[in-house]
Amino acid sequence: TTSRQNQGFLAEMGQAILTGISYMIPVIVAAGLM
């Protein structure tokens, strides 16, 4: 809760999106290589 309050809603949302993208990239690379 303290972390979220310090980070802010938009910053938290942005970090979540970047996390999703970082996990998605290996999938894209693997598909592209095949």
PDB file of all heavy atoms in Angstrom:
ATOM      1  N   THR A   1       0.828  -1.207   0.000  1.00  0.00           N
ATOM      2  CA  THR A   1       0.000   0.000   0.000  1.00  0.00           C
ATOM      3  C   THR A   1       0.858   1.250   0.000  1.00  0.00           C
ATOM      4  O   THR A   1       0.614   2.193  -0.752  1.00  0.00           O
ATOM      5  CB  THR A   1      -0.924   0.007   1.240  1.00  0.00           C
ATOM      6  OG1 THR A   1      -1.739  -1.157   1.206  1.00  0.00           O
ATOM      7  CG2 THR A   1      -1.804   1.249   1.242  1.00  0.00           C
ATOM      8  N   THR A   2       1.913   1.246   0.832  1.00  0.00           N
ATOM      9  CA  THR A   2       2.813   2.397   0.869  1.00  0.00           C
ATOM     10  C   THR A   2       3.482   2.605  -0.477  1.00  0.00           C
ATOM     11  O   THR A   2       3.601   3.719  -0.979  1.00  0.00           O
ATOM     12  CB  THR A   2       3.893   2.194   1.955  1.00  0.00           C
ATOM     13  OG1 THR A   2       3.244   2.012   3.207  1.00  0.00           O
ATOM     14  CG2 THR A   2       4.820   3.389   2.021  1.00  0.00           C
ATOM     15  N   SER A   3       3.911   1.497  -1.080  1.00  0.00           N
ATOM     16  CA  SER A   3       4.556   1.591  -2.392  1.00  0.00           C
ATOM     17  C   SER A   3       3.617   2.164  -3.428  1.00  0.00           C
ATOM     18  O   SER A   3       3.996   3.012  -4.235  1.00  0.00           O
ATOM     19  CB  SER A   3       5.041   0.201  -2.828  1.00  0.00           C
ATOM     20  OG  SER A   3       5.558   0.228  -4.126  1.00  0.00           O
ATOM     21  N   ARG A   4       2.359   1.716  -3.431  1.00  0.00           N
ATOM     22  CA  ARG A   4       1.402   2.215  -4.414  1.00  0.00           C
ATOM     23  C   ARG A   4       1.123   3.694  -4.203  1.00  0.00           C
ATOM     24  O   ARG A   4       0.990   4.460  -5.147  1.00  0.00           O
ATOM     25  CB  ARG A   4       0.090   1.412  -4.327  1.00  0.00           C
ATOM     26  CG  ARG A   4       0.236  -0.031  -4.751  1.00  0.00           C
ATOM     27  CD  ARG A   4      -1.109  -0.596  -5.141  1.00  0.00           C
ATOM     28  NE  ARG A   4      -2.068  -0.604  -4.056  1.00  0.00           N
ATOM     29  CZ  ARG A   4      -2.260  -1.625  -3.243  1.00  0.00           C
ATOM     30  NH1 ARG A   4      -1.537  -2.714  -3.378  1.00  0.00           N
ATOM     31  NH2 ARG A   4      -3.166  -1.568  -2.295  1.00  0.00           N
ATOM     32  N   GLN A   5       1.024   4.104  -2.940  1.00  0.00           N
ATOM     33  CA  GLN A   5       0.774   5.519  -2.655  1.00  0.00           C
ATOM     34  C   GLN A   5       1.926   6.382  -3.127  1.00  0.00           C
ATOM     35  O   GLN A   5       1.729   7.476  -3.666  1.00  0.00           O
ATOM     36  CB  GLN A   5       0.543   5.715  -1.147  1.00  0.00           C
ATOM     37  CG  GLN A   5      -0.775   5.120  -0.667  1.00  0.00           C
ATOM     38  CD  GLN A   5      -0.911   5.180   0.843  1.00  0.00           C
ATOM     39  OE1 GLN A   5       0.062   5.400   1.568  1.00  0.00           O
ATOM     40  NE2 GLN A   5      -2.120   4.986   1.332  1.00  0.00           N
ATOM     41  N   ASN A   6       3.155   5.892  -2.930  1.00  0.00           N
ATOM     42  CA  ASN A   6       4.320   6.662  -3.352  1.00  0.00           C
ATOM     43  C   ASN A   6       4.448   6.682  -4.873  1.00  0.00           C
ATOM     44  O   ASN A   6       4.901   7.660  -5.454  1.00  0.00           O
ATOM     45  CB  ASN A   6       5.593   6.069  -2.738  1.00  0.00           C
ATOM     46  CG  ASN A   6       5.652   6.264  -1.234  1.00  0.00           C
ATOM     47  OD1 ASN A   6       4.992   7.159  -0.698  1.00  0.00           O
ATOM     48  ND2 ASN A   6       6.415   5.433  -0.554  1.00  0.00           N
ATOM     49  N   GLN A   7       4.045   5.581  -5.525  1.00  0.00           N
ATOM     50  CA  GLN A   7       4.263   5.448  -6.955  1.00  0.00           C
ATOM     51  C   GLN A   7       3.247   6.221  -7.773  1.00  0.00           C
ATOM     52  O   GLN A   7       3.571   6.819  -8.783  1.00  0.00           O
ATOM     53  CB  GLN A   7       4.203   3.962  -7.326  1.00  0.00           C
ATOM     54  CG  GLN A   7       4.632   3.661  -8.746  1.00  0.00           C
ATOM     55  CD  GLN A   7       4.608   2.174  -9.029  1.00  0.00           C
ATOM     56  OE1 GLN A   7       3.829   1.430  -8.456  1.00  0.00           O
ATOM     57  NE2 GLN A   7       5.465   1.741  -9.918  1.00  0.00           N
ATOM     58  N   GLY A   8       1.985   6.231  -7.334  1.00  0.00           N
ATOM     59  CA  GLY A   8       0.952   6.906  -8.101  1.00  0.00           C
ATOM     60  C   GLY A   8       0.267   5.959  -9.073  1.00  0.00           C
ATOM     61  O   GLY A   8       0.864   4.992  -9.550  1.00  0.00           O
ATOM     62  N   PHE A   9      -1.003   6.241  -9.369  1.00  0.00           N
ATOM     63  CA  PHE A   9      -1.815   5.334 -10.182  1.00  0.00           C
ATOM     64  C   PHE A   9      -1.260   5.174 -11.589  1.00  0.00           C
ATOM     65  O   PHE A   9      -1.098   4.057 -12.087  1.00  0.00           O
ATOM     66  CB  PHE A   9      -3.251   5.860 -10.233  1.00  0.00           C
ATOM     67  CG  PHE A   9      -4.159   5.052 -11.108  1.00  0.00           C
ATOM     68  CD1 PHE A   9      -4.598   3.802 -10.706  1.00  0.00           C
ATOM     69  CD2 PHE A   9      -4.562   5.534 -12.343  1.00  0.00           C
ATOM     70  CE1 PHE A   9      -5.439   3.046 -11.513  1.00  0.00           C
ATOM     71  CE2 PHE A   9      -5.402   4.788 -13.157  1.00  0.00           C
ATOM     72  CZ  PHE A   9      -5.842   3.542 -12.735  1.00  0.00           C
ATOM     73  N   LEU A  10      -0.970   6.282 -12.264  1.00  0.00           N
ATOM     74  CA  LEU A  10      -0.499   6.200 -13.646  1.00  0.00           C
ATOM     75  C   LEU A  10       0.856   5.517 -13.735  1.00  0.00           C
ATOM     76  O   LEU A  10       1.109   4.722 -14.651  1.00  0.00           O
ATOM     77  CB  LEU A  10      -0.439   7.603 -14.261  1.00  0.00           C
ATOM     78  CG  LEU A  10      -1.787   8.287 -14.489  1.00  0.00           C
ATOM     79  CD1 LEU A  10      -1.584   9.682 -15.062  1.00  0.00           C
ATOM     80  CD2 LEU A  10      -2.671   7.458 -15.415  1.00  0.00           C
ATOM     81  N   ALA A  11       1.740   5.831 -12.790  1.00  0.00           N
ATOM     82  CA  ALA A  11       3.061   5.194 -12.800  1.00  0.00           C
ATOM     83  C   ALA A  11       2.936   3.695 -12.558  1.00  0.00           C
ATOM     84  O   ALA A  11       3.629   2.883 -13.169  1.00  0.00           O
ATOM     85  CB  ALA A  11       3.958   5.830 -11.740  1.00  0.00           C
ATOM     86  N   GLU A  12       2.030   3.311 -11.661  1.00  0.00           N
ATOM     87  CA  GLU A  12       1.815   1.898 -11.373  1.00  0.00           C
ATOM     88  C   GLU A  12       1.266   1.174 -12.602  1.00  0.00           C
ATOM     89  O   GLU A  12       1.699   0.075 -12.945  1.00  0.00           O
ATOM     90  CB  GLU A  12       0.845   1.757 -10.206  1.00  0.00           C
ATOM     91  CG  GLU A  12       0.540   0.318  -9.833  1.00  0.00           C
ATOM     92  CD  GLU A  12      -0.595   0.220  -8.835  1.00  0.00           C
ATOM     93  OE1 GLU A  12      -1.594   0.948  -8.978  1.00  0.00           O
ATOM     94  OE2 GLU A  12      -0.479  -0.602  -7.920  1.00  0.00           O
ATOM     95  N   MET A  13       0.321   1.820 -13.272  1.00  0.00           N
ATOM     96  CA  MET A  13      -0.253   1.231 -14.479  1.00  0.00           C
ATOM     97  C   MET A  13       0.812   1.086 -15.564  1.00  0.00           C
ATOM     98  O   MET A  13       0.893   0.053 -16.244  1.00  0.00           O
ATOM     99  CB  MET A  13      -1.403   2.107 -14.992  1.00  0.00           C
ATOM    100  CG  MET A  13      -2.132   1.524 -16.195  1.00  0.00           C
ATOM    101  SD  MET A  13      -3.390   2.659 -16.831  1.00  0.00           S
ATOM    102  CE  MET A  13      -4.489   2.748 -15.432  1.00  0.00           C
ATOM    103  N   GLY A  14       1.630   2.102 -15.722  1.00  0.00           N
ATOM    104  CA  GLY A  14       2.703   2.036 -16.713  1.00  0.00           C
ATOM    105  C   GLY A  14       3.682   0.921 -16.425  1.00  0.00           C
ATOM    106  O   GLY A  14       4.123   0.207 -17.335  1.00  0.00           O
ATOM    107  N   GLN A  15       4.021   0.734 -15.151  1.00  0.00           N
ATOM    108  CA  GLN A  15       4.941  -0.332 -14.780  1.00  0.00           C
ATOM    109  C   GLN A  15       4.339  -1.699 -15.067  1.00  0.00           C
ATOM    110  O   GLN A  15       5.024  -2.623 -15.520  1.00  0.00           O
ATOM    111  CB  GLN A  15       5.301  -0.223 -13.294  1.00  0.00           C
ATOM    112  CG  GLN A  15       6.338  -1.226 -12.823  1.00  0.00           C
ATOM    113  CD  GLN A  15       7.656  -1.070 -13.561  1.00  0.00           C
ATOM    114  OE1 GLN A  15       8.177   0.028 -13.671  1.00  0.00           O
ATOM    115  NE2 GLN A  15       8.184  -2.164 -14.076  1.00  0.00           N
ATOM    116  N   ALA A  16       3.037  -1.838 -14.823  1.00  0.00           N
ATOM    117  CA  ALA A  16       2.368  -3.109 -15.097  1.00  0.00           C
ATOM    118  C   ALA A  16       2.394  -3.429 -16.587  1.00  0.00           C
ATOM    119  O   ALA A  16       2.633  -4.575 -16.992  1.00  0.00           O
ATOM    120  CB  ALA A  16       0.922  -3.055 -14.591  1.00  0.00           C
ATOM    121  N   ILE A  17       2.151  -2.428 -17.404  1.00  0.00           N
ATOM    122  CA  ILE A  17       2.168  -2.629 -18.856  1.00  0.00           C
ATOM    123  C   ILE A  17       3.559  -3.047 -19.325  1.00  0.00           C
ATOM    124  O   ILE A  17       3.714  -3.961 -20.145  1.00  0.00           O
ATOM    125  CB  ILE A  17       1.703  -1.354 -19.574  1.00  0.00           C
ATOM    126  CG1 ILE A  17       0.220  -1.094 -19.271  1.00  0.00           C
ATOM    127  CG2 ILE A  17       1.922  -1.465 -21.084  1.00  0.00           C
ATOM    128  CD1 ILE A  17      -0.269   0.260 -19.732  1.00  0.00           C
ATOM    129  N   LEU A  18       4.586  -2.388 -18.795  1.00  0.00           N
ATOM    130  CA  LEU A  18       5.955  -2.745 -19.175  1.00  0.00           C
ATOM    131  C   LEU A  18       6.304  -4.164 -18.748  1.00  0.00           C
ATOM    132  O   LEU A  18       7.037  -4.874 -19.443  1.00  0.00           O
ATOM    133  CB  LEU A  18       6.941  -1.756 -18.556  1.00  0.00           C
ATOM    134  CG  LEU A  18       6.901  -0.332 -19.109  1.00  0.00           C
ATOM    135  CD1 LEU A  18       7.937   0.524 -18.415  1.00  0.00           C
ATOM    136  CD2 LEU A  18       7.133  -0.332 -20.607  1.00  0.00           C
ATOM    137  N   THR A  19       5.778  -4.572 -17.598  1.00  0.00           N
ATOM    138  CA  THR A  19       6.002  -5.946 -17.151  1.00  0.00           C
ATOM    139  C   THR A  19       5.387  -6.928 -18.139  1.00  0.00           C
ATOM    140  O   THR A  19       6.013  -7.919 -18.541  1.00  0.00           O
ATOM    141  CB  THR A  19       5.390  -6.165 -15.755  1.00  0.00           C
ATOM    142  OG1 THR A  19       6.011  -5.273 -14.824  1.00  0.00           O
ATOM    143  CG2 THR A  19       5.602  -7.608 -15.294  1.00  0.00           C
ATOM    144  N   GLY A  20       4.157  -6.650 -18.549  1.00  0.00           N
ATOM    145  CA  GLY A  20       3.505  -7.515 -19.536  1.00  0.00           C
ATOM    146  C   GLY A  20       4.269  -7.577 -20.843  1.00  0.00           C
ATOM    147  O   GLY A  20       4.446  -8.656 -21.432  1.00  0.00           O
ATOM    148  N   ILE A  21       4.741  -6.437 -21.293  1.00  0.00           N
ATOM    149  CA  ILE A  21       5.495  -6.388 -22.550  1.00  0.00           C
ATOM    150  C   ILE A  21       6.790  -7.192 -22.443  1.00  0.00           C
ATOM    151  O   ILE A  21       7.171  -7.919 -23.360  1.00  0.00           O
ATOM    152  CB  ILE A  21       5.787  -4.930 -22.936  1.00  0.00           C
ATOM    153  CG1 ILE A  21       4.480  -4.218 -23.335  1.00  0.00           C
ATOM    154  CG2 ILE A  21       6.789  -4.853 -24.088  1.00  0.00           C
ATOM    155  CD1 ILE A  21       4.640  -2.737 -23.552  1.00  0.00           C
ATOM    156  N   SER A  22       7.481  -7.066 -21.302  1.00  0.00           N
ATOM    157  CA  SER A  22       8.756  -7.767 -21.139  1.00  0.00           C
ATOM    158  C   SER A  22       8.575  -9.282 -21.185  1.00  0.00           C
ATOM    159  O   SER A  22       9.445 -10.005 -21.678  1.00  0.00           O
ATOM    160  CB  SER A  22       9.428  -7.345 -19.829  1.00  0.00           C
ATOM    161  OG  SER A  22       8.689  -7.797 -18.711  1.00  0.00           O
ATOM    162  N   TYR A  23       7.446  -9.777 -20.661  1.00  0.00           N
ATOM    163  CA  TYR A  23       7.185 -11.216 -20.727  1.00  0.00           C
ATOM    164  C   TYR A  23       6.679 -11.636 -22.100  1.00  0.00           C
ATOM    165  O   TYR A  23       6.807 -12.806 -22.487  1.00  0.00           O
ATOM    166  CB  TYR A  23       6.161 -11.619 -19.659  1.00  0.00           C
ATOM    167  CG  TYR A  23       6.741 -11.778 -18.278  1.00  0.00           C
ATOM    168  CD1 TYR A  23       6.694 -10.749 -17.351  1.00  0.00           C
ATOM    169  CD2 TYR A  23       7.360 -12.967 -17.901  1.00  0.00           C
ATOM    170  CE1 TYR A  23       7.228 -10.890 -16.082  1.00  0.00           C
ATOM    171  CE2 TYR A  23       7.905 -13.124 -16.635  1.00  0.00           C
ATOM    172  CZ  TYR A  23       7.836 -12.078 -15.728  1.00  0.00           C
ATOM    173  OH  TYR A  23       8.384 -12.226 -14.484  1.00  0.00           O
ATOM    174  N   MET A  24       6.098 -10.718 -22.825  1.00  0.00           N
ATOM    175  CA  MET A  24       5.566 -11.032 -24.149  1.00  0.00           C
ATOM    176  C   MET A  24       6.675 -11.131 -25.197  1.00  0.00           C
ATOM    177  O   MET A  24       6.569 -11.898 -26.162  1.00  0.00           O
ATOM    178  CB  MET A  24       4.564  -9.949 -24.555  1.00  0.00           C
ATOM    179  CG  MET A  24       3.938 -10.147 -25.917  1.00  0.00           C
ATOM    180  SD  MET A  24       2.755  -8.839 -26.306  1.00  0.00           S
ATOM    181  CE  MET A  24       3.865  -7.430 -26.476  1.00  0.00           C
ATOM    182  N   ILE A  25       7.747 -10.367 -25.018  1.00  0.00           N
ATOM    183  CA  ILE A  25       8.802 -10.305 -26.032  1.00  0.00           C
ATOM    184  C   ILE A  25       9.400 -11.675 -26.362  1.00  0.00           C
ATOM    185  O   ILE A  25       9.578 -12.008 -27.539  1.00  0.00           O
ATOM    186  CB  ILE A  25       9.889  -9.298 -25.594  1.00  0.00           C
ATOM    187  CG1 ILE A  25       9.348  -7.865 -25.726  1.00  0.00           C
ATOM    188  CG2 ILE A  25      11.149  -9.466 -26.435  1.00  0.00           C
ATOM    189  CD1 ILE A  25      10.279  -6.805 -25.197  1.00  0.00           C
ATOM    190  N   PRO A  26       9.729 -12.539 -25.374  1.00  0.00           N
ATOM    191  CA  PRO A  26      10.268 -13.864 -25.746  1.00  0.00           C
ATOM    192  C   PRO A  26       9.298 -14.679 -26.593  1.00  0.00           C
ATOM    193  O   PRO A  26       9.734 -15.468 -27.438  1.00  0.00           O
ATOM    194  CB  PRO A  26      10.513 -14.531 -24.384  1.00  0.00           C
ATOM    195  CG  PRO A  26      10.683 -13.399 -23.426  1.00  0.00           C
ATOM    196  CD  PRO A  26       9.760 -12.324 -23.914  1.00  0.00           C
ATOM    197  N   VAL A  27       8.010 -14.512 -26.357  1.00  0.00           N
ATOM    198  CA  VAL A  27       7.016 -15.217 -27.168  1.00  0.00           C
ATOM    199  C   VAL A  27       7.105 -14.744 -28.617  1.00  0.00           C
ATOM    200  O   VAL A  27       7.092 -15.551 -29.563  1.00  0.00           O
ATOM    201  CB  VAL A  27       5.601 -14.984 -26.613  1.00  0.00           C
ATOM    202  CG1 VAL A  27       4.559 -15.680 -27.484  1.00  0.00           C
ATOM    203  CG2 VAL A  27       5.498 -15.472 -25.174  1.00  0.00           C
ATOM    204  N   ILE A  28       7.210 -13.439 -28.770  1.00  0.00           N
ATOM    205  CA  ILE A  28       7.302 -12.863 -30.112  1.00  0.00           C
ATOM    206  C   ILE A  28       8.573 -13.333 -30.815  1.00  0.00           C
ATOM    207  O   ILE A  28       8.560 -13.710 -31.993  1.00  0.00           O
ATOM    208  CB  ILE A  28       7.282 -11.328 -30.025  1.00  0.00           C
ATOM    209  CG1 ILE A  28       5.944 -10.853 -29.455  1.00  0.00           C
ATOM    210  CG2 ILE A  28       7.543 -10.691 -31.378  1.00  0.00           C
ATOM    211  CD1 ILE A  28       5.931  -9.386 -29.092  1.00  0.00           C
ATOM    212  N   VAL A  29       9.676 -13.328 -30.077  1.00  0.00           N
ATOM    213  CA  VAL A  29      10.953 -13.752 -30.660  1.00  0.00           C
ATOM    214  C   VAL A  29      10.891 -15.218 -31.086  1.00  0.00           C
ATOM    215  O   VAL A  29      11.321 -15.583 -32.192  1.00  0.00           O
ATOM    216  CB  VAL A  29      12.101 -13.524 -29.666  1.00  0.00           C
ATOM    217  CG1 VAL A  29      13.387 -14.152 -30.178  1.00  0.00           C
ATOM    218  CG2 VAL A  29      12.300 -12.034 -29.410  1.00  0.00           C
ATOM    219  N   ALA A  30      10.341 -16.055 -30.195  1.00  0.00           N
ATOM    220  CA  ALA A  30      10.256 -17.481 -30.518  1.00  0.00           C
ATOM    221  C   ALA A  30       9.389 -17.703 -31.754  1.00  0.00           C
ATOM    222  O   ALA A  30       9.752 -18.471 -32.654  1.00  0.00           O
ATOM    223  CB  ALA A  30       9.681 -18.249 -29.324  1.00  0.00           C
ATOM    224  N   ALA A  31       8.254 -17.023 -31.801  1.00  0.00           N
ATOM    225  CA  ALA A  31       7.367 -17.166 -32.955  1.00  0.00           C
ATOM    226  C   ALA A  31       8.053 -16.681 -34.229  1.00  0.00           C
ATOM    227  O   ALA A  31       7.985 -17.331 -35.281  1.00  0.00           O
ATOM    228  CB  ALA A  31       6.078 -16.390 -32.714  1.00  0.00           C
ATOM    229  N   GLY A  32       8.716 -15.548 -34.135  1.00  0.00           N
ATOM    230  CA  GLY A  32       9.405 -14.998 -35.298  1.00  0.00           C
ATOM    231  C   GLY A  32      10.508 -15.903 -35.805  1.00  0.00           C
ATOM    232  O   GLY A  32      10.696 -16.068 -37.017  1.00  0.00           O
ATOM    233  N   LEU A  33      11.239 -16.511 -34.870  1.00  0.00           N
ATOM    234  CA  LEU A  33      12.324 -17.419 -35.273  1.00  0.00           C
ATOM    235  C   LEU A  33      11.776 -18.651 -35.984  1.00  0.00           C
ATOM    236  O   LEU A  33      12.323 -19.094 -37.004  1.00  0.00           O
ATOM    237  CB  LEU A  33      13.143 -17.830 -34.050  1.00  0.00           C
ATOM    238  CG  LEU A  33      14.135 -16.800 -33.517  1.00  0.00           C
ATOM    239  CD1 LEU A  33      14.764 -17.279 -32.218  1.00  0.00           C
ATOM    240  CD2 LEU A  33      15.220 -16.517 -34.551  1.00  0.00           C
ATOM    241  N   MET A  34      10.704 -19.227 -35.432  1.00  0.00           N
ATOM    242  CA  MET A  34      10.121 -20.418 -36.071  1.00  0.00           C
ATOM    243  C   MET A  34       9.665 -20.102 -37.493  1.00  0.00           C
ATOM    244  O   MET A  34       9.964 -20.823 -38.446  1.00  0.00           O
ATOM    245  CB  MET A  34       8.938 -20.937 -35.243  1.00  0.00           C
ATOM    246  CG  MET A  34       9.272 -21.426 -33.847  1.00  0.00           C
ATOM    247  SD  MET A  34      10.494 -22.745 -33.778  1.00  0.00           S
ATOM    248  CE  MET A  34      11.953 -21.820 -33.279  1.00  0.00           C
TER     249      MET A  34
END
